[in-house]
Amino acid sequence: MTDWTRLIRDVPGFPKPGIVFKDIMPMLADAQAFAAAIEALAAPWREARIDAVLCIEARGFLLGAPVARALGAGMVPVRKPGKLPGAVIEQRYALEYGEDALQVQADALPPGTRVLLVDDVLATGGTLAATRLLAERLQADVVGAAVLIELGFLAGRARWHDAAPLRAALTL
């Protein structure tokens, strides 16, 4: 299996001073590394009977869609405001460099759907926590969450308050 982690690079000062951005684009551009990363994300959930993967904008789309395919599940985008048609549910949240909001279509899932949340990076945990609240408002059964990279020093895992597992393919 390819060591996909070697293709993640640090970009200091992006998107603002003081932030060190984890750039996954070189990993995505390498077919073997990308496949290995998707396998690392999907493997813990193969027996979990996932119905849908909630993919968090924007890099979560790049990872969540192939994870959904690998698990034989549907994919539901969780987007920034103004990007989805029809009635939406919105959740505001704080992140490490400001505040934002996420939305999901109000009719995206029937109640009781077993969902996995997928994102690229777990930093302070605000994005993942907001997505979990959106899933709960849809009356979905949150089976767990998968992230490509967990920035352990930011303690975002502490905002994951449930028995549902949170799995990171790489912890830094």
Protein backbone atom coordinates (compact mmCIF):
# COMPACT_ATOMS: atom_id res chain seq x y z
CA MET A 1 0.00 0.00 0.00
CA THR A 2 1.30 3.46 -0.90
CA ASP A 3 2.36 5.79 1.91
CA TRP A 4 -0.11 8.55 1.08
CA THR A 5 0.86 10.57 4.17
CA ARG A 6 4.18 11.62 2.57
CA LEU A 7 2.23 13.64 -0.02
CA ILE A 8 0.52 15.96 2.48
CA ARG A 9 2.34 19.26 2.69
CA ASP A 10 2.20 22.13 5.15
CA VAL A 11 1.38 25.62 3.85
CA PRO A 12 2.15 28.19 6.56
CA GLY A 13 0.03 31.34 6.71
CA PHE A 14 -2.94 29.98 4.76
CA PRO A 15 -5.78 30.96 4.80
CA LYS A 16 -4.46 33.56 7.24
CA PRO A 17 -1.37 34.23 9.33
CA GLY A 18 -0.86 31.77 12.17
CA ILE A 19 -2.59 28.85 10.41
CA VAL A 20 -0.62 25.95 8.93
CA PHE A 21 -2.84 24.53 6.19
CA LYS A 22 -2.63 20.81 5.42
CA ASP A 23 -2.57 20.62 1.62
CA ILE A 24 -3.88 17.24 0.43
CA MET A 25 -3.86 18.14 -3.29
CA PRO A 26 -0.54 16.35 -4.03
CA MET A 27 -1.98 13.20 -2.41
CA LEU A 28 -5.16 13.48 -4.48
CA ALA A 29 -3.10 13.82 -7.67
CA ASP A 30 -1.30 10.52 -7.06
CA ALA A 31 -3.65 7.66 -8.04
CA GLN A 32 -2.09 5.08 -5.71
CA ALA A 33 -1.87 7.45 -2.76
CA PHE A 34 -5.45 8.62 -3.28
CA ALA A 35 -6.70 5.02 -3.41
CA ALA A 36 -4.74 4.16 -0.24
CA ALA A 37 -6.16 7.17 1.60
CA ILE A 38 -9.74 6.28 0.60
CA GLU A 39 -9.18 2.71 1.75
CA ALA A 40 -7.84 3.98 5.09
CA LEU A 41 -10.99 6.07 5.52
CA ALA A 42 -13.46 3.37 4.43
CA ALA A 43 -11.95 0.26 6.02
CA PRO A 44 -13.17 0.79 9.61
CA TRP A 45 -16.77 1.19 8.39
CA ARG A 46 -17.14 -1.76 6.00
CA GLU A 47 -19.32 -3.76 8.39
CA ALA A 48 -21.25 -0.77 9.80
CA ARG A 49 -24.15 -0.86 7.29
CA ILE A 50 -23.80 2.80 6.31
CA ASP A 51 -26.73 4.11 4.23
CA ALA A 52 -25.30 7.55 3.40
CA VAL A 53 -22.11 9.54 3.81
CA LEU A 54 -22.47 13.19 4.78
CA CYS A 55 -19.60 14.95 2.99
CA ILE A 56 -18.52 18.31 4.34
CA GLU A 57 -17.64 21.13 1.92
CA ALA A 58 -15.33 21.34 0.21
CA ARG A 59 -12.48 18.87 0.57
CA GLY A 60 -14.83 16.48 2.35
CA PHE A 61 -16.57 16.06 -1.04
CA LEU A 62 -13.33 14.86 -2.59
CA LEU A 63 -12.94 12.19 0.08
CA GLY A 64 -16.51 11.41 1.06
CA ALA A 65 -17.83 10.60 -2.40
CA PRO A 66 -15.31 7.79 -3.02
CA VAL A 67 -15.77 6.57 0.58
CA ALA A 68 -19.53 6.40 -0.06
CA ARG A 69 -18.87 4.43 -3.26
CA ALA A 70 -16.51 2.06 -1.42
CA LEU A 71 -19.18 1.44 1.24
CA GLY A 72 -22.05 1.06 -1.23
CA ALA A 73 -23.73 4.10 0.31
CA GLY A 74 -25.28 7.31 -0.95
CA MET A 75 -23.61 10.70 -0.64
CA VAL A 76 -25.19 13.83 0.84
CA PRO A 77 -23.35 17.14 0.52
CA VAL A 78 -23.15 19.46 3.53
CA ARG A 79 -22.53 22.91 2.07
CA LYS A 80 -21.85 26.51 2.92
CA PRO A 81 -24.91 28.81 2.81
CA GLY A 82 -26.50 29.61 -0.53
CA LYS A 83 -25.21 26.57 -2.42
CA LEU A 84 -28.17 24.17 -2.13
CA PRO A 85 -31.59 24.53 -3.76
CA GLY A 86 -34.88 24.14 -1.92
CA ALA A 87 -35.52 24.12 1.81
CA VAL A 88 -32.38 23.78 3.92
CA ILE A 89 -31.44 23.34 7.56
CA GLU A 90 -28.58 25.57 8.75
CA GLN A 91 -26.14 25.23 11.62
CA ARG A 92 -23.72 28.01 12.63
CA TYR A 93 -20.37 27.12 14.22
CA ALA A 94 -16.99 28.52 15.28
CA LEU A 95 -13.78 27.42 13.62
CA GLU A 96 -10.13 28.04 14.41
CA TYR A 97 -10.02 31.27 12.38
CA GLY A 98 -13.56 32.69 12.52
CA GLU A 99 -17.20 31.70 12.27
CA ASP A 100 -19.19 29.99 9.53
CA ALA A 101 -22.36 28.02 8.80
CA LEU A 102 -23.26 24.77 7.08
CA GLN A 103 -26.48 23.70 5.41
CA VAL A 104 -28.08 20.47 4.27
CA GLN A 105 -31.26 20.01 2.26
CA ALA A 106 -34.18 19.53 4.63
CA ASP A 107 -35.36 16.44 2.74
CA ALA A 108 -31.91 14.92 2.14
CA LEU A 109 -32.52 11.77 4.21
CA PRO A 110 -35.43 9.87 5.69
CA PRO A 111 -35.44 9.55 9.49
CA GLY A 112 -33.37 6.64 10.77
CA THR A 113 -30.83 6.69 7.91
CA ARG A 114 -27.48 5.35 9.13
CA VAL A 115 -24.88 7.98 8.29
CA LEU A 116 -21.13 8.42 8.39
CA LEU A 117 -19.71 11.94 8.48
CA VAL A 118 -16.57 12.48 6.37
CA ASP A 119 -14.20 15.44 6.28
CA ASP A 120 -10.58 16.09 5.46
CA VAL A 121 -9.25 17.61 8.70
CA LEU A 122 -10.38 17.57 12.32
CA ALA A 123 -8.94 20.73 13.85
CA THR A 124 -10.98 22.38 16.63
CA GLY A 125 -14.00 20.18 15.88
CA GLY A 126 -16.52 22.90 15.02
CA THR A 127 -17.25 21.75 11.49
CA LEU A 128 -17.73 18.13 12.49
CA ALA A 129 -19.88 19.08 15.49
CA ALA A 130 -22.08 21.30 13.30
CA THR A 131 -22.50 18.50 10.76
CA ARG A 132 -23.45 16.10 13.54
CA LEU A 133 -26.14 18.55 14.71
CA LEU A 134 -27.45 18.81 11.14
CA ALA A 135 -27.62 15.00 10.90
CA GLU A 136 -29.47 14.82 14.19
CA ARG A 137 -31.92 17.49 13.04
CA LEU A 138 -32.58 15.27 10.00
CA GLN A 139 -33.25 12.45 12.51
CA ALA A 140 -30.40 10.41 11.03
CA ASP A 141 -28.57 7.77 13.06
CA VAL A 142 -24.96 8.99 13.24
CA VAL A 143 -22.87 5.81 13.15
CA GLY A 144 -19.57 7.69 13.32
CA ALA A 145 -17.17 10.06 11.65
CA ALA A 146 -14.07 9.61 9.53
CA VAL A 147 -11.43 12.25 8.92
CA LEU A 148 -8.30 12.03 6.85
CA ILE A 149 -6.16 14.07 9.28
CA GLU A 150 -6.68 14.83 12.96
CA LEU A 151 -4.68 17.73 14.37
CA GLY A 152 -4.47 16.25 17.87
CA PHE A 153 -2.84 19.32 19.43
CA LEU A 154 -6.04 21.32 18.76
CA ALA A 155 -8.17 18.84 20.78
CA GLY A 156 -11.11 18.86 18.34
CA ARG A 157 -11.98 15.29 19.36
CA ALA A 158 -13.23 16.68 22.68
CA ARG A 159 -16.23 18.16 20.85
CA TRP A 160 -17.31 14.69 19.70
CA HIS A 161 -19.62 13.91 22.64
CA ASP A 162 -21.02 10.53 21.78
CA ALA A 163 -20.43 6.82 21.80
CA ALA A 164 -20.32 6.89 17.98
CA PRO A 165 -16.69 6.34 16.96
CA LEU A 166 -14.52 9.02 15.43
CA ARG A 167 -11.70 7.59 13.33
CA ALA A 168 -8.77 9.50 11.86
CA ALA A 169 -6.63 7.95 9.13
CA LEU A 170 -3.68 10.10 10.30
CA THR A 171 -3.13 11.95 13.59
CA LEU A 172 -0.58 14.76 13.77
